[in-house]
């Protein structure tokens, strides 16, 4: 085991932050680490918007479902999948940008996730805490308008950064045997692995909440994937040029 592996396995989402500021130099270094992530065909389809304006921060917290740490964290970043910049480059060379390709959408979204996770690892290595904010996709058009996003750009998620003011336990993950498979997907142990994990996560929630939360992973998945989730995203993406051809 080395320090990097220990750091990766100690990740927790932090939702309470101290008032200690994070320097511009540190944020620049963290985002530079994001730029160093792998990028499909070097498209570099990630744009990061640091939101300093307090009114915009408050509005983003509201749009994300009232998540107050969006406005209280020392730093709030919005990670955007950006095909606008590659479009400009294409047109600078006399090319015609091919609008709405599903592959381009996948590449841009994957690029953002890879860059963001590099940023997270860098931030945590410096003693900062983080919390991803997927709730920005609750109202993506309002977020896009607020941040002046051009066509071919969409907000994938936000990221709170700051010095932690809490020390939560590490949330247990699924058994490795249900995630790592040999030669094919089929694995008869998946159900038993989920059952074992359900008990572990139930005990974790009870411990973390003092017995107030009694839930397991499969129950949460029933509530999450057993219903529609943000059906507005398809039309929103289409309007921004991501028509999925």
Protein backbone atom coordinates (compact mmCIF):
# COMPACT_ATOMS: atom_id res chain seq x y z
CA UNK A 1 0.00 0.00 0.00
CA UNK A 2 1.27 3.52 -0.76
CA UNK A 3 0.14 7.04 0.08
CA UNK A 4 -1.76 7.52 -3.19
CA UNK A 5 -3.80 4.36 -2.69
CA UNK A 6 -4.48 5.29 0.92
CA UNK A 7 -5.69 8.72 -0.21
CA UNK A 8 -7.98 7.27 -2.88
CA UNK A 9 -9.55 4.81 -0.44
CA UNK A 10 -10.12 7.51 2.19
CA UNK A 11 -12.43 9.66 0.04
CA UNK A 12 -15.52 11.12 1.73
CA UNK A 13 -17.97 13.78 0.58
CA UNK A 14 -17.63 16.87 2.77
CA UNK A 15 -20.64 19.13 3.26
CA UNK A 16 -19.43 21.32 6.13
CA UNK A 17 -16.47 23.62 5.60
CA UNK A 18 -14.47 26.03 7.73
CA UNK A 19 -14.27 29.70 6.82
CA UNK A 20 -10.62 29.36 5.82
CA UNK A 21 -10.04 30.69 2.32
CA UNK A 22 -8.43 28.67 -0.46
CA UNK A 23 -5.83 30.66 -2.38
CA UNK A 24 -6.08 31.34 -6.10
CA UNK A 25 -2.68 29.68 -6.51
CA UNK A 26 -4.00 26.48 -4.98
CA UNK A 27 -7.10 26.46 -7.19
CA UNK A 28 -4.97 27.10 -10.26
CA UNK A 29 -2.76 24.16 -9.34
CA UNK A 30 -5.77 21.90 -8.74
CA UNK A 31 -7.38 22.76 -12.08
CA UNK A 32 -4.01 22.30 -13.80
CA UNK A 33 -4.03 18.76 -12.40
CA UNK A 34 -7.43 18.33 -13.99
CA UNK A 35 -5.98 19.41 -17.32
CA UNK A 36 -3.35 16.68 -16.98
CA UNK A 37 -6.01 13.95 -17.04
CA UNK A 38 -6.41 11.66 -20.04
CA UNK A 39 -8.41 13.23 -22.87
CA UNK A 40 -9.84 11.30 -25.80
CA UNK A 41 -7.94 12.32 -28.98
CA UNK A 42 -6.66 15.34 -27.01
CA UNK A 43 -10.01 17.08 -27.52
CA UNK A 44 -9.73 18.63 -24.02
CA UNK A 45 -13.48 19.22 -23.87
CA UNK A 46 -13.55 20.49 -20.27
CA UNK A 47 -14.23 24.04 -19.14
CA UNK A 48 -14.25 24.92 -15.44
CA UNK A 49 -16.07 28.02 -14.19
CA UNK A 50 -15.13 29.28 -10.73
CA UNK A 51 -18.14 31.12 -9.36
CA UNK A 52 -17.14 33.86 -6.91
CA UNK A 53 -20.18 36.13 -7.16
CA UNK A 54 -22.21 35.63 -3.97
CA UNK A 55 -25.56 36.22 -5.67
CA UNK A 56 -24.76 33.65 -8.35
CA UNK A 57 -23.58 31.20 -5.71
CA UNK A 58 -26.83 31.62 -3.79
CA UNK A 59 -28.84 31.13 -6.98
CA UNK A 60 -26.88 28.00 -7.90
CA UNK A 61 -27.49 26.59 -4.42
CA UNK A 62 -31.20 27.15 -4.97
CA UNK A 63 -31.16 25.63 -8.47
CA UNK A 64 -29.31 22.59 -7.12
CA UNK A 65 -32.15 21.83 -4.72
CA UNK A 66 -31.31 24.09 -1.80
CA UNK A 67 -27.87 22.62 -1.11
CA UNK A 68 -26.53 25.38 1.12
CA UNK A 69 -22.91 24.22 0.97
CA UNK A 70 -22.87 25.39 -2.66
CA UNK A 71 -22.86 28.91 -1.27
CA UNK A 72 -20.97 28.25 1.98
CA UNK A 73 -17.95 26.33 0.65
CA UNK A 74 -14.80 28.36 0.15
CA UNK A 75 -14.78 27.56 -3.57
CA UNK A 76 -17.46 26.45 -6.02
CA UNK A 77 -16.54 25.19 -9.47
CA UNK A 78 -18.85 24.25 -12.33
CA UNK A 79 -17.48 21.59 -14.68
CA UNK A 80 -18.80 21.89 -18.22
CA UNK A 81 -18.60 19.56 -21.20
CA UNK A 82 -17.40 21.91 -23.92
CA UNK A 83 -17.61 21.19 -27.65
CA UNK A 84 -17.78 24.92 -28.43
CA UNK A 85 -14.02 25.30 -28.23
CA UNK A 86 -13.29 22.31 -30.52
CA UNK A 87 -15.91 23.74 -32.88
CA UNK A 88 -14.01 27.05 -33.00
CA UNK A 89 -10.75 25.21 -33.70
CA UNK A 90 -12.38 23.17 -36.46
CA UNK A 91 -13.80 26.27 -38.12
CA UNK A 92 -10.48 28.14 -37.79
CA UNK A 93 -9.04 25.48 -40.10
CA UNK A 94 -11.88 25.83 -42.60
CA UNK A 95 -13.74 22.74 -41.40
CA UNK A 96 -17.47 22.23 -40.86
CA UNK A 97 -18.31 21.20 -37.32
CA UNK A 98 -20.47 18.04 -37.27
CA UNK A 99 -23.28 19.00 -34.90
CA UNK A 100 -25.01 16.52 -32.61
CA UNK A 101 -22.77 13.46 -32.81
CA UNK A 102 -23.41 11.07 -29.91
CA UNK A 103 -19.74 10.04 -29.85
CA UNK A 104 -18.66 13.66 -29.39
CA UNK A 105 -21.11 14.00 -26.50
CA UNK A 106 -19.75 10.86 -24.83
CA UNK A 107 -16.15 12.01 -25.32
CA UNK A 108 -16.84 15.45 -23.85
CA UNK A 109 -18.72 14.09 -20.85
CA UNK A 110 -16.05 11.47 -20.14
CA UNK A 111 -13.34 14.13 -20.44
CA UNK A 112 -15.08 16.24 -17.80
CA UNK A 113 -15.40 13.33 -15.38
CA UNK A 114 -11.73 12.38 -15.77
CA UNK A 115 -10.56 15.97 -15.31
CA UNK A 116 -12.78 16.53 -12.29
CA UNK A 117 -11.58 13.39 -10.53
CA UNK A 118 -7.97 14.48 -11.05
CA UNK A 119 -8.92 17.79 -9.43
CA UNK A 120 -10.54 15.97 -6.53
CA UNK A 121 -7.51 13.77 -5.86
CA UNK A 122 -5.22 16.80 -6.01
CA UNK A 123 -7.48 18.77 -3.65
CA UNK A 124 -7.74 15.94 -1.13
CA UNK A 125 -3.97 15.45 -1.20
CA UNK A 126 -3.69 19.09 -0.07
CA UNK A 127 -6.06 18.60 2.87
CA UNK A 128 -9.19 19.98 1.19
CA UNK A 129 -12.61 18.36 1.23
CA UNK A 130 -14.94 18.12 -1.76
CA UNK A 131 -18.54 17.44 -2.67
CA UNK A 132 -19.82 16.85 -6.19
CA UNK A 133 -23.08 18.65 -6.98
CA UNK A 134 -25.07 16.79 -9.63
CA UNK A 135 -28.11 18.80 -8.56
CA UNK A 136 -27.15 21.50 -11.08
CA UNK A 137 -28.84 19.24 -13.63
CA UNK A 138 -32.16 19.80 -11.84
CA UNK A 139 -32.40 23.13 -13.68
CA UNK A 140 -29.72 22.99 -16.38
CA UNK A 141 -31.14 25.75 -18.58
CA UNK A 142 -31.22 28.22 -15.67
CA UNK A 143 -27.63 27.27 -14.81
CA UNK A 144 -26.57 27.72 -18.44
CA UNK A 145 -28.25 31.13 -18.60
CA UNK A 146 -26.74 32.24 -15.30
CA UNK A 147 -23.23 31.31 -16.41
CA UNK A 148 -23.59 32.47 -20.02
CA UNK A 149 -22.85 29.07 -21.54
CA UNK A 150 -22.81 29.04 -25.36
CA UNK A 151 -24.31 26.30 -27.50
CA UNK A 152 -22.33 23.03 -27.46
CA UNK A 153 -21.60 23.48 -23.74
CA UNK A 154 -23.55 22.01 -20.82
CA UNK A 155 -23.01 21.92 -17.05
CA UNK A 156 -22.22 18.35 -15.99
CA UNK A 157 -21.88 18.97 -12.24
CA UNK A 158 -20.55 21.39 -9.66
CA UNK A 159 -17.79 20.87 -7.12
CA UNK A 160 -17.59 22.34 -3.61
CA UNK A 161 -14.07 22.78 -2.26
CA UNK A 162 -12.85 23.88 1.13
CA UNK A 163 -11.20 22.89 4.38
CA UNK A 164 -13.34 20.24 6.12
CA UNK A 165 -15.31 21.09 9.24
CA UNK A 166 -16.48 17.50 9.72
CA UNK A 167 -14.93 14.04 9.72
CA UNK A 168 -17.46 11.53 8.36
CA UNK A 169 -16.77 7.84 8.01
CA UNK A 170 -15.78 6.41 4.65
CA UNK A 171 -18.89 5.00 2.98
CA UNK A 172 -18.58 1.26 2.24
CA UNK A 173 -18.54 0.21 -1.41
CA UNK A 174 -19.91 -2.86 -3.15
CA UNK A 175 -17.87 -6.06 -2.77
CA UNK A 176 -15.07 -6.16 -5.32
CA UNK A 177 -16.39 -9.49 -6.61
CA UNK A 178 -19.55 -7.79 -7.90
CA UNK A 179 -17.57 -5.13 -9.77
CA UNK A 180 -14.48 -6.97 -11.05
CA UNK A 181 -15.45 -9.79 -13.43
CA UNK A 182 -13.48 -12.35 -15.42
CA UNK A 183 -13.92 -12.70 -19.19
CA UNK A 184 -17.66 -11.97 -19.25
CA UNK A 185 -20.31 -10.06 -17.37
CA UNK A 186 -22.35 -12.97 -16.01
CA UNK A 187 -21.65 -13.58 -12.34
CA UNK A 188 -23.97 -15.72 -10.20
CA UNK A 189 -22.64 -14.06 -7.03
CA UNK A 190 -24.02 -10.61 -7.90
CA UNK A 191 -27.24 -11.03 -5.88
CA UNK A 192 -25.47 -12.45 -2.85
CA UNK A 193 -22.88 -9.68 -3.11
CA UNK A 194 -25.64 -7.07 -3.10
CA UNK A 195 -27.27 -8.74 -0.10
CA UNK A 196 -23.99 -8.62 1.84
CA UNK A 197 -23.47 -5.00 0.86
CA UNK A 198 -27.02 -4.09 1.90
CA UNK A 199 -26.23 -5.18 5.46
CA UNK A 200 -22.94 -3.29 5.52
CA UNK A 201 -24.45 -0.05 4.23
CA UNK A 202 -27.42 -0.35 6.59
CA UNK A 203 -25.04 -0.54 9.57
CA UNK A 204 -23.03 2.38 8.17
CA UNK A 205 -26.14 4.58 7.95
CA UNK A 206 -27.26 3.62 11.45
CA UNK A 207 -23.81 4.46 12.84
CA UNK A 208 -23.51 7.73 10.95
CA UNK A 209 -26.98 8.99 11.89
CA UNK A 210 -27.26 7.61 15.40
CA UNK A 211 -29.91 5.14 14.27
CA UNK A 212 -32.04 7.72 12.48
CA UNK A 213 -31.50 6.25 9.00
CA UNK A 214 -32.37 2.62 8.38
CA UNK A 215 -31.88 1.96 4.68
CA UNK A 216 -29.85 -0.22 2.34
CA UNK A 217 -28.39 0.11 -1.14
CA UNK A 218 -30.97 -1.95 -3.01
CA UNK A 219 -33.78 0.10 -1.43
CA UNK A 220 -32.03 3.26 -2.56
CA UNK A 221 -31.62 1.89 -6.08
CA UNK A 222 -35.33 1.06 -6.19
CA UNK A 223 -36.10 4.69 -5.36
CA UNK A 224 -33.47 6.04 -7.77
CA UNK A 225 -33.63 3.93 -10.93
CA UNK A 226 -37.19 2.71 -10.38
CA UNK A 227 -38.52 6.03 -11.63
CA UNK A 228 -37.74 8.67 -14.24
CA UNK A 229 -34.72 10.81 -13.45
CA UNK A 230 -34.43 14.35 -14.87
CA UNK A 231 -36.32 13.58 -18.11
CA UNK A 232 -35.86 17.24 -19.07
CA UNK A 233 -32.16 16.59 -19.80
CA UNK A 234 -32.82 15.10 -23.26
CA UNK A 235 -34.64 18.17 -24.56
CA UNK A 236 -32.16 20.51 -22.85
CA UNK A 237 -29.19 18.79 -24.49
CA UNK A 238 -30.93 18.77 -27.87
CA UNK A 239 -31.49 22.53 -27.67
CA UNK A 240 -27.80 23.05 -26.94
CA UNK A 241 -26.76 21.11 -30.04
CA UNK A 242 -26.29 17.66 -28.48
CA UNK A 243 -28.90 15.97 -30.68
CA UNK A 244 -27.32 12.48 -30.48
CA UNK A 245 -26.96 11.41 -34.09
